[in-house]
Amino acid sequence: MSALDAAEELLSILPGIRFDKHIINKPTDRESFLERINAMISDPNYHDSK
């Protein structure tokens, strides 16, 4: 099992957290990072998924 597999498995028990939406894999460039953050902030359901 890789660390990435373990992270996905751990997230499966955390309600409201999605690997494809809330986790940013390294390495990432500045633009991709800012796009992901801006998408999360502008999502009206973001604060409800905590």
Protein backbone atom coordinates (compact mmCIF):
# COMPACT_ATOMS: atom_id res chain seq x y z
CA MET A 1 0.00 0.00 0.00
CA SER A 2 1.40 3.39 -0.95
CA ALA A 3 1.05 6.58 1.07
CA LEU A 4 -1.40 7.84 -1.55
CA ASP A 5 -3.56 4.73 -1.09
CA ALA A 6 -3.42 5.19 2.67
CA ALA A 7 -4.53 8.81 2.36
CA GLU A 8 -7.51 7.82 0.22
CA GLU A 9 -8.42 5.08 2.71
CA LEU A 10 -8.19 7.50 5.65
CA LEU A 11 -10.38 10.04 3.87
CA SER A 12 -13.04 7.40 3.30
CA ILE A 13 -13.88 7.57 7.03
CA LEU A 14 -13.98 11.38 7.21
CA PRO A 15 -17.42 12.73 6.28
CA GLY A 16 -17.47 15.61 3.82
CA ILE A 17 -13.83 15.33 2.77
CA ARG A 18 -13.13 14.20 -0.78
CA PHE A 19 -9.71 13.29 -2.10
CA ASP A 20 -10.37 14.78 -5.54
CA LYS A 21 -11.75 18.03 -4.13
CA HIS A 22 -10.02 18.82 -0.84
CA ILE A 23 -6.55 17.31 -1.23
CA ILE A 24 -3.78 18.93 -3.30
CA ASN A 25 -1.01 16.58 -4.38
CA LYS A 26 2.59 17.72 -4.36
CA PRO A 27 4.29 18.95 -6.40
CA THR A 28 1.91 21.61 -7.58
CA ASP A 29 2.53 24.84 -9.36
CA ARG A 30 1.34 28.22 -8.11
CA GLU A 31 -1.44 28.57 -10.69
CA SER A 32 -2.93 25.13 -10.02
CA PHE A 33 -2.80 25.78 -6.27
CA LEU A 34 -4.56 29.14 -6.58
CA GLU A 35 -7.20 27.72 -8.94
CA ARG A 36 -8.03 24.96 -6.44
CA ILE A 37 -8.19 27.39 -3.50
CA ASN A 38 -10.34 29.89 -5.41
CA ALA A 39 -12.70 27.09 -6.49
CA MET A 40 -13.07 25.95 -2.89
CA ILE A 41 -13.67 29.46 -1.59
CA SER A 42 -16.23 30.31 -4.26
CA ASP A 43 -18.12 27.01 -3.79
CA PRO A 44 -21.29 27.85 -1.79
CA ASN A 45 -21.26 24.33 -0.31
CA TYR A 46 -17.62 24.52 0.82
CA HIS A 47 -18.37 25.78 4.32
CA ASP A 48 -21.12 23.18 4.73
CA SER A 49 -18.72 20.31 4.02
CA LYS A 50 -16.53 20.88 7.10
